[in-house]
N, C-alpha and C. Protein backbone atom coordinates (compact mmCIF):
# COMPACT_ATOMS: atom_id res chain seq x y z
N SER A 1 58.03 120.28 -26.65
CA SER A 1 58.05 119.59 -25.39
C SER A 1 59.38 119.89 -24.68
N VAL A 2 59.30 120.05 -23.36
CA VAL A 2 60.49 120.34 -22.55
C VAL A 2 60.69 119.19 -21.58
N THR A 3 61.92 118.75 -21.47
CA THR A 3 62.27 117.68 -20.54
C THR A 3 63.30 118.21 -19.55
N ALA A 4 63.10 117.91 -18.29
CA ALA A 4 64.05 118.34 -17.25
C ALA A 4 64.52 117.12 -16.48
N THR A 5 65.77 117.14 -16.09
CA THR A 5 66.33 116.06 -15.28
C THR A 5 67.10 116.65 -14.11
N SER A 6 67.35 115.83 -13.14
CA SER A 6 68.17 116.27 -12.00
C SER A 6 69.26 115.23 -11.78
N ASP A 7 70.16 115.56 -10.87
CA ASP A 7 71.22 114.61 -10.55
C ASP A 7 70.78 113.64 -9.45
N GLY A 8 69.51 113.61 -9.12
CA GLY A 8 68.98 112.67 -8.14
C GLY A 8 68.72 113.31 -6.79
N VAL A 9 68.09 112.54 -5.96
CA VAL A 9 67.74 112.97 -4.62
C VAL A 9 68.12 111.87 -3.66
N ILE A 10 68.74 112.23 -2.55
CA ILE A 10 69.02 111.26 -1.49
C ILE A 10 67.97 111.45 -0.41
N VAL A 11 67.28 110.39 -0.09
CA VAL A 11 66.26 110.44 0.96
C VAL A 11 66.91 109.94 2.24
N ASP A 12 66.92 110.79 3.24
CA ASP A 12 67.53 110.45 4.53
C ASP A 12 66.41 110.31 5.56
N VAL A 13 66.13 109.11 5.99
CA VAL A 13 65.07 108.87 6.97
C VAL A 13 65.63 108.37 8.29
N THR A 14 66.97 108.43 8.44
CA THR A 14 67.58 107.97 9.69
C THR A 14 68.28 109.12 10.39
N PRO A 15 68.18 109.17 11.70
CA PRO A 15 68.88 110.23 12.45
C PRO A 15 70.38 109.94 12.50
N PRO A 16 71.18 110.93 12.90
CA PRO A 16 72.62 110.71 13.03
C PRO A 16 72.94 109.61 14.05
N ILE A 17 74.11 109.03 13.89
CA ILE A 17 74.62 108.04 14.86
C ILE A 17 75.51 108.80 15.83
N ASN A 18 75.24 108.64 17.12
CA ASN A 18 75.96 109.43 18.12
C ASN A 18 77.38 108.93 18.35
N GLY A 19 78.22 109.86 18.81
CA GLY A 19 79.57 109.56 19.25
C GLY A 19 79.62 109.53 20.77
N ARG A 20 80.77 109.20 21.31
CA ARG A 20 80.96 109.12 22.77
C ARG A 20 81.16 110.53 23.32
N ILE A 21 80.55 110.80 24.48
CA ILE A 21 80.63 112.10 25.13
C ILE A 21 81.56 111.99 26.33
N SER A 22 82.45 112.96 26.49
CA SER A 22 83.39 112.94 27.60
C SER A 22 83.26 114.20 28.43
N ASP A 23 83.24 114.02 29.74
CA ASP A 23 83.30 115.17 30.65
C ASP A 23 84.77 115.60 30.69
N GLY A 24 85.05 116.85 30.40
CA GLY A 24 86.42 117.34 30.37
C GLY A 24 86.85 117.67 28.96
N SER A 25 88.02 118.29 28.86
CA SER A 25 88.49 118.79 27.56
C SER A 25 89.20 117.74 26.71
N ILE A 26 89.57 116.61 27.30
CA ILE A 26 90.29 115.57 26.57
C ILE A 26 89.38 114.36 26.41
N LEU A 27 89.07 114.02 25.17
CA LEU A 27 88.14 112.94 24.89
C LEU A 27 88.57 111.62 25.52
N ALA A 28 89.85 111.33 25.49
CA ALA A 28 90.34 110.04 26.01
C ALA A 28 90.47 110.02 27.53
N LYS A 29 90.24 111.16 28.18
CA LYS A 29 90.39 111.22 29.64
C LYS A 29 89.12 111.80 30.27
N ASP A 30 88.11 110.94 30.41
CA ASP A 30 86.84 111.35 30.98
C ASP A 30 87.02 111.72 32.45
N VAL A 31 86.45 112.82 32.86
CA VAL A 31 86.55 113.31 34.24
C VAL A 31 85.40 112.74 35.06
N THR A 32 85.72 112.21 36.23
CA THR A 32 84.69 111.72 37.15
C THR A 32 84.41 112.75 38.24
N TYR A 33 85.47 113.44 38.70
CA TYR A 33 85.37 114.48 39.71
C TYR A 33 86.11 115.72 39.22
N GLN A 34 85.61 116.88 39.62
CA GLN A 34 86.34 118.12 39.36
C GLN A 34 86.16 119.04 40.55
N SER A 35 87.15 119.91 40.77
CA SER A 35 87.09 120.81 41.92
C SER A 35 86.51 122.18 41.56
N SER A 36 86.50 122.53 40.30
CA SER A 36 86.00 123.84 39.90
C SER A 36 84.48 123.91 40.05
N THR A 37 84.02 125.01 40.63
CA THR A 37 82.58 125.25 40.74
C THR A 37 82.10 126.28 39.71
N THR A 38 83.02 126.69 38.81
CA THR A 38 82.66 127.73 37.84
C THR A 38 82.97 127.38 36.40
N GLN A 39 83.73 126.33 36.13
CA GLN A 39 84.13 126.02 34.76
C GLN A 39 83.71 124.60 34.38
N VAL A 40 83.24 124.46 33.14
CA VAL A 40 82.85 123.16 32.59
C VAL A 40 83.47 123.02 31.22
N GLN A 41 84.01 121.82 30.95
CA GLN A 41 84.52 121.52 29.62
C GLN A 41 83.96 120.17 29.18
N ALA A 42 83.71 120.05 27.89
CA ALA A 42 83.16 118.81 27.34
C ALA A 42 83.79 118.56 25.98
N SER A 43 83.89 117.30 25.62
CA SER A 43 84.38 116.92 24.29
C SER A 43 83.63 115.69 23.84
N TRP A 44 83.59 115.49 22.53
CA TRP A 44 82.85 114.33 22.02
C TRP A 44 83.41 113.87 20.70
N GLU A 45 83.21 112.58 20.45
CA GLU A 45 83.55 112.02 19.15
C GLU A 45 82.56 112.57 18.13
N PRO A 46 83.02 112.76 16.90
CA PRO A 46 82.08 113.22 15.88
C PRO A 46 80.93 112.23 15.70
N PHE A 47 79.71 112.76 15.57
CA PHE A 47 78.56 111.94 15.22
C PHE A 47 78.65 111.69 13.72
N SER A 48 77.84 110.77 13.21
CA SER A 48 77.90 110.53 11.76
C SER A 48 76.50 110.38 11.17
N ASP A 49 76.40 110.74 9.92
CA ASP A 49 75.18 110.53 9.14
C ASP A 49 75.62 110.34 7.70
N LEU A 50 75.59 109.11 7.23
CA LEU A 50 76.12 108.79 5.91
C LEU A 50 75.32 109.41 4.77
N GLU A 51 74.03 109.62 4.97
CA GLU A 51 73.20 110.15 3.89
C GLU A 51 73.33 111.66 3.72
N SER A 52 73.24 112.42 4.81
CA SER A 52 73.20 113.88 4.66
C SER A 52 74.24 114.63 5.49
N GLY A 53 75.08 113.91 6.21
CA GLY A 53 76.15 114.56 6.97
C GLY A 53 75.65 115.28 8.22
N ILE A 54 76.60 115.72 9.03
CA ILE A 54 76.29 116.47 10.26
C ILE A 54 76.46 117.95 9.97
N MET A 55 75.42 118.71 10.27
CA MET A 55 75.44 120.15 10.01
C MET A 55 75.94 120.94 11.23
N GLY A 56 75.76 120.38 12.42
CA GLY A 56 76.22 121.10 13.60
C GLY A 56 75.82 120.40 14.89
N TYR A 57 76.39 120.93 15.98
CA TYR A 57 76.15 120.40 17.32
C TYR A 57 75.69 121.51 18.25
N ARG A 58 75.03 121.09 19.32
CA ARG A 58 74.80 121.98 20.45
C ARG A 58 74.99 121.14 21.70
N TRP A 59 75.41 121.78 22.78
CA TRP A 59 75.65 121.05 24.02
C TRP A 59 75.09 121.83 25.20
N GLY A 60 74.78 121.10 26.26
CA GLY A 60 74.27 121.71 27.47
C GLY A 60 74.68 120.89 28.68
N LEU A 61 74.38 121.41 29.85
CA LEU A 61 74.73 120.72 31.10
C LEU A 61 73.51 120.70 32.00
N GLY A 62 73.28 119.54 32.62
CA GLY A 62 72.15 119.41 33.52
C GLY A 62 72.45 118.46 34.66
N THR A 63 71.52 118.40 35.59
CA THR A 63 71.65 117.50 36.74
C THR A 63 71.05 116.13 36.45
N ALA A 64 70.66 115.92 35.21
CA ALA A 64 70.18 114.61 34.74
C ALA A 64 70.56 114.48 33.27
N PRO A 65 70.72 113.27 32.77
CA PRO A 65 70.98 113.10 31.34
C PRO A 65 69.86 113.75 30.52
N SER A 66 70.20 114.31 29.37
CA SER A 66 69.26 114.96 28.45
C SER A 66 68.64 116.24 29.03
N SER A 67 69.31 116.82 30.01
CA SER A 67 68.80 118.04 30.65
C SER A 67 69.78 119.19 30.42
N ASP A 68 69.24 120.40 30.32
CA ASP A 68 70.08 121.59 30.24
C ASP A 68 69.67 122.61 31.30
N ASN A 69 69.33 122.09 32.49
CA ASN A 69 68.84 122.98 33.55
C ASN A 69 69.96 123.75 34.26
N VAL A 70 71.24 123.50 33.91
CA VAL A 70 72.35 124.24 34.50
C VAL A 70 72.96 125.18 33.46
N ILE A 71 73.29 124.66 32.29
CA ILE A 71 73.76 125.46 31.16
C ILE A 71 72.84 125.15 29.99
N GLU A 72 72.09 126.16 29.54
CA GLU A 72 71.18 125.94 28.41
C GLU A 72 72.00 125.59 27.17
N TYR A 73 71.38 124.83 26.26
CA TYR A 73 72.07 124.38 25.05
C TYR A 73 72.72 125.55 24.32
N VAL A 74 73.97 125.32 23.88
CA VAL A 74 74.76 126.30 23.15
C VAL A 74 75.16 125.70 21.81
N GLU A 75 74.90 126.42 20.73
CA GLU A 75 75.29 125.97 19.40
C GLU A 75 76.80 126.17 19.24
N VAL A 76 77.50 125.14 18.71
CA VAL A 76 78.95 125.25 18.53
C VAL A 76 79.38 124.93 17.10
N GLY A 77 78.45 124.94 16.15
CA GLY A 77 78.79 124.62 14.77
C GLY A 77 79.26 123.17 14.67
N LYS A 78 80.34 122.95 13.95
CA LYS A 78 80.85 121.59 13.78
C LYS A 78 81.97 121.25 14.76
N LYS A 79 82.20 122.11 15.75
CA LYS A 79 83.21 121.82 16.77
C LYS A 79 82.79 120.60 17.58
N THR A 80 83.77 119.85 18.05
CA THR A 80 83.48 118.67 18.88
C THR A 80 83.93 118.89 20.32
N PHE A 81 83.77 120.10 20.79
CA PHE A 81 84.07 120.44 22.18
C PHE A 81 83.29 121.69 22.57
N GLY A 82 83.14 121.87 23.86
CA GLY A 82 82.50 123.06 24.38
C GLY A 82 83.06 123.38 25.75
N SER A 83 83.00 124.64 26.11
CA SER A 83 83.44 125.04 27.45
C SER A 83 82.62 126.24 27.91
N LYS A 84 82.54 126.37 29.21
CA LYS A 84 81.77 127.47 29.79
C LYS A 84 82.48 127.93 31.05
N GLU A 85 82.75 129.22 31.12
CA GLU A 85 83.30 129.83 32.33
C GLU A 85 82.15 130.53 33.03
N ASN A 86 82.30 130.83 34.26
CA ASN A 86 81.29 131.53 35.05
C ASN A 86 80.00 130.73 35.20
N ALA A 87 80.12 129.41 35.19
CA ALA A 87 78.96 128.56 35.50
C ALA A 87 78.77 128.55 37.01
N THR A 88 77.65 128.07 37.48
CA THR A 88 77.40 127.94 38.91
C THR A 88 77.14 126.47 39.20
N LEU A 89 78.18 125.80 39.71
CA LEU A 89 78.10 124.37 40.01
C LEU A 89 78.19 124.18 41.53
N SER A 90 77.40 123.26 42.05
CA SER A 90 77.35 123.01 43.49
C SER A 90 78.15 121.77 43.86
N PRO A 91 78.92 121.85 44.94
CA PRO A 91 79.67 120.68 45.41
C PRO A 91 78.73 119.53 45.75
N GLY A 92 79.17 118.32 45.43
CA GLY A 92 78.39 117.12 45.74
C GLY A 92 77.31 116.78 44.74
N VAL A 93 77.13 117.61 43.74
CA VAL A 93 76.09 117.38 42.73
C VAL A 93 76.71 116.72 41.51
N ARG A 94 76.00 115.76 40.92
CA ARG A 94 76.45 115.10 39.70
C ARG A 94 75.84 115.84 38.50
N TYR A 95 76.69 116.15 37.52
CA TYR A 95 76.28 116.88 36.32
C TYR A 95 76.53 116.02 35.08
N TYR A 96 75.70 116.21 34.06
CA TYR A 96 75.78 115.44 32.82
C TYR A 96 75.84 116.39 31.63
N VAL A 97 76.78 116.15 30.75
CA VAL A 97 76.87 116.88 29.48
C VAL A 97 75.98 116.17 28.48
N THR A 98 75.15 116.92 27.79
CA THR A 98 74.32 116.37 26.71
C THR A 98 74.69 117.09 25.42
N VAL A 99 74.88 116.30 24.36
CA VAL A 99 75.24 116.84 23.04
C VAL A 99 74.16 116.40 22.06
N GLU A 100 73.73 117.33 21.23
CA GLU A 100 72.77 117.03 20.18
C GLU A 100 73.39 117.38 18.83
N ALA A 101 73.30 116.45 17.88
CA ALA A 101 73.78 116.68 16.52
C ALA A 101 72.58 116.80 15.59
N THR A 102 72.69 117.67 14.59
CA THR A 102 71.66 117.83 13.57
C THR A 102 72.24 117.46 12.21
N SER A 103 71.51 116.62 11.50
CA SER A 103 71.96 116.18 10.17
C SER A 103 71.49 117.16 9.10
N GLY A 104 71.97 116.93 7.87
CA GLY A 104 71.56 117.75 6.74
C GLY A 104 70.08 117.66 6.43
N SER A 105 69.43 116.58 6.88
CA SER A 105 67.99 116.45 6.69
C SER A 105 67.22 116.95 7.91
N ASN A 106 67.93 117.67 8.79
CA ASN A 106 67.34 118.29 9.98
C ASN A 106 66.84 117.28 11.01
N MET A 107 67.39 116.07 10.99
CA MET A 107 67.08 115.08 12.02
C MET A 107 68.13 115.23 13.13
N THR A 108 67.73 114.95 14.36
CA THR A 108 68.64 115.13 15.48
C THR A 108 68.81 113.83 16.27
N THR A 109 69.95 113.75 16.92
CA THR A 109 70.26 112.67 17.86
C THR A 109 70.99 113.30 19.02
N GLU A 110 70.68 112.83 20.23
CA GLU A 110 71.43 113.33 21.38
C GLU A 110 72.08 112.18 22.12
N ALA A 111 73.16 112.51 22.79
CA ALA A 111 73.86 111.55 23.63
C ALA A 111 74.36 112.31 24.85
N PHE A 112 74.61 111.60 25.92
CA PHE A 112 75.05 112.28 27.14
C PHE A 112 76.21 111.54 27.78
N SER A 113 76.92 112.27 28.63
CA SER A 113 78.09 111.72 29.32
C SER A 113 77.64 110.85 30.49
N ASP A 114 78.63 110.19 31.11
CA ASP A 114 78.33 109.41 32.32
C ASP A 114 78.33 110.29 33.56
N GLY A 115 78.64 111.56 33.40
CA GLY A 115 78.52 112.52 34.49
C GLY A 115 79.81 112.73 35.27
N PHE A 116 79.85 113.87 35.96
CA PHE A 116 80.95 114.19 36.86
C PHE A 116 80.37 114.84 38.10
N THR A 117 81.10 114.75 39.20
CA THR A 117 80.67 115.34 40.47
C THR A 117 81.67 116.41 40.88
N VAL A 118 81.17 117.53 41.37
CA VAL A 118 82.03 118.59 41.89
C VAL A 118 82.42 118.22 43.31
N ASP A 119 83.73 118.16 43.56
CA ASP A 119 84.26 117.79 44.87
C ASP A 119 85.30 118.82 45.27
N ILE A 120 84.96 119.64 46.27
CA ILE A 120 85.90 120.66 46.74
C ILE A 120 86.54 120.28 48.07
N THR A 121 86.31 119.05 48.52
CA THR A 121 86.86 118.59 49.79
C THR A 121 88.31 118.16 49.60
N PRO A 122 89.23 118.75 50.38
CA PRO A 122 90.63 118.30 50.24
C PRO A 122 90.80 116.89 50.80
N PRO A 123 91.79 116.16 50.30
CA PRO A 123 92.01 114.82 50.84
C PRO A 123 92.45 114.88 52.29
N GLU A 124 92.10 113.87 53.04
CA GLU A 124 92.50 113.80 54.45
C GLU A 124 93.68 112.86 54.59
N LEU A 125 94.64 113.28 55.41
CA LEU A 125 95.78 112.46 55.70
C LEU A 125 95.42 111.53 56.86
N SER A 126 95.46 110.24 56.64
CA SER A 126 95.04 109.31 57.69
C SER A 126 96.22 108.70 58.42
N GLN A 127 97.30 108.37 57.72
CA GLN A 127 98.48 107.79 58.37
C GLN A 127 99.73 108.22 57.63
N VAL A 128 100.80 108.37 58.37
CA VAL A 128 102.09 108.68 57.78
C VAL A 128 103.02 107.52 58.08
N TYR A 129 103.70 107.01 57.10
CA TYR A 129 104.65 105.90 57.30
C TYR A 129 106.05 106.38 57.14
């Protein structure tokens, strides 16, 4: 008779817990407006999954939360930031960064930023004192 044993199995039935998403390269300084019509930067807090860990992230940009109609999702491994040069952003439009994390059990969770607007209008001087 042959007996086999293993060191156990962890069953992961929960998706990752999302982190906070920030428009801009600095997590603590969320961008509300930007003047660039060609560059996008995003950063996020690490997502977590206690059972199977986070295997990687992908991020995209859209004109609505959970959308990638401006920058299609890009895989970034375990990095907690992304950037894109040569994007095409329109003034006056609000854009949202969406980040998706994948756990070791291949479950996903997505979260999105509060958005930023491209503003290329210079400030107007109204009064001089």
